[in-house]
Amino acid sequence: MTDPTSDPASGPGPSSGTPRWVKVLGVLLLVLVVLIAVLHATGNSPGGPGDHLGLAAGVSGHDEPAAVPW
């Protein structure tokens, strides 16, 4: 007797395993999570709480007058 899964008249057999797009999406998400973790660990993470406080001008958050060379 022949294997029923190899019979061309029976059509495609049931698919087994995880689809390729799910694997690719999982790998991309894993790479993204690792990248964010590395950036966070090195202190370079985007979107930290200090980004919205306007601390780029100085520690006090106010613009200091420029030093005038006399």
Protein backbone atom coordinates (compact mmCIF):
# COMPACT_ATOMS: atom_id res chain seq x y z
CA MET A 1 0.00 0.00 0.00
CA THR A 2 1.11 3.53 -0.65
CA ASP A 3 1.37 6.35 1.82
CA PRO A 4 -1.91 8.34 1.74
CA THR A 5 -0.09 11.63 2.30
CA SER A 6 1.93 11.15 -0.90
CA ASP A 7 -1.11 10.62 -3.12
CA PRO A 8 -1.43 13.64 -5.45
CA ALA A 9 -5.19 13.12 -5.77
CA SER A 10 -5.73 13.73 -2.06
CA GLY A 11 -4.50 17.33 -2.33
CA PRO A 12 -2.05 19.09 -0.07
CA GLY A 13 -1.57 17.56 3.31
CA PRO A 14 -2.13 19.40 6.54
CA SER A 15 0.51 22.02 7.15
CA SER A 16 2.66 21.36 10.14
CA GLY A 17 4.81 23.72 12.10
CA THR A 18 4.83 27.47 12.47
CA PRO A 19 4.32 29.65 9.38
CA ARG A 20 7.37 31.52 8.10
CA TRP A 21 5.85 34.97 8.68
CA VAL A 22 5.33 34.16 12.37
CA LYS A 23 8.96 33.12 12.73
CA VAL A 24 10.20 36.26 10.94
CA LEU A 25 7.99 38.49 13.07
CA GLY A 26 9.21 36.76 16.23
CA VAL A 27 12.86 37.25 15.26
CA LEU A 28 12.27 40.94 14.45
CA LEU A 29 10.51 41.53 17.76
CA LEU A 30 13.30 39.75 19.63
CA VAL A 31 15.93 41.91 17.89
CA LEU A 32 13.93 45.05 18.75
CA VAL A 33 13.63 44.09 22.42
CA VAL A 34 17.36 43.32 22.65
CA LEU A 35 18.20 46.64 20.97
CA ILE A 36 16.00 48.59 23.38
CA ALA A 37 17.51 46.73 26.34
CA VAL A 38 21.06 47.51 25.18
CA LEU A 39 20.21 51.18 24.62
CA HIS A 40 18.57 51.39 28.02
CA ALA A 41 21.52 49.72 29.73
CA THR A 42 23.98 52.14 28.12
CA GLY A 43 21.87 55.20 28.98
CA ASN A 44 21.09 56.03 25.35
CA SER A 45 17.45 54.99 25.31
CA PRO A 46 15.15 57.27 23.33
CA GLY A 47 12.03 58.63 24.95
CA GLY A 48 13.28 58.84 28.51
CA PRO A 49 11.52 61.00 31.07
CA GLY A 50 14.11 63.77 30.69
CA ASP A 51 13.20 64.28 27.03
CA HIS A 52 10.02 66.13 27.95
CA LEU A 53 11.43 68.34 30.69
CA GLY A 54 13.48 70.63 28.47
CA LEU A 55 16.72 69.95 30.29
CA ALA A 56 18.84 70.45 27.20
CA ALA A 57 19.35 74.16 28.02
CA GLY A 58 20.84 73.46 31.41
CA VAL A 59 20.30 71.77 34.72
CA SER A 60 17.79 74.35 35.92
CA GLY A 61 15.78 74.16 32.71
CA HIS A 62 16.18 77.91 32.12
CA ASP A 63 18.30 79.53 29.48
CA GLU A 64 21.37 81.10 30.99
CA PRO A 65 22.56 84.39 29.51
CA ALA A 66 25.55 84.03 27.25
CA ALA A 67 28.88 85.09 28.72
CA VAL A 68 29.95 88.46 27.33
CA PRO A 69 33.68 88.58 26.60
CA TRP A 70 34.98 92.01 27.88
